[in-house]
Amino acid sequence: MIVTIATFEESGDQLEEGMRHVQEEVVPSIRGAVGLRAAYWLVDRGAGKRLSVTVWNDPNAPAAAMPGVMASIKRLRGEAGRTEPQRSPDRSERFEVFAEVEAES
């Protein structure tokens, strides 16, 4: 299992635009991506920081899924009349999961 973490350091309008982008463009585009186990988007408004955390079943899944996800995001942005590209993360990291605890049913 692989986890990717993208960090965005933003303030004010950038932070709000980033959250809108995730809710309206990223979530619909990544939902159902092959190999995606889970995804979480976190915000610390006081610190002006957002995190995008994705959990993938295997190391090749993110690279295989992202071209389709990015095409969908581009299409949704175009349909909404947004011509400016969304800003890139300030930092991207990738981790291998070596231990896990799941909630008991």
Foldseek 3Di string as FASTA:
>chain_A
DKKKKFKAAAADPLLVVVVCLCVQQQVVLCVPQPFWDDWDWDDDHVRRMIMIMTDGNDPCRVVVRVVSSVVRSVVSCVVVVNDDDRDGGPDMDMDDDDDDDDDDD
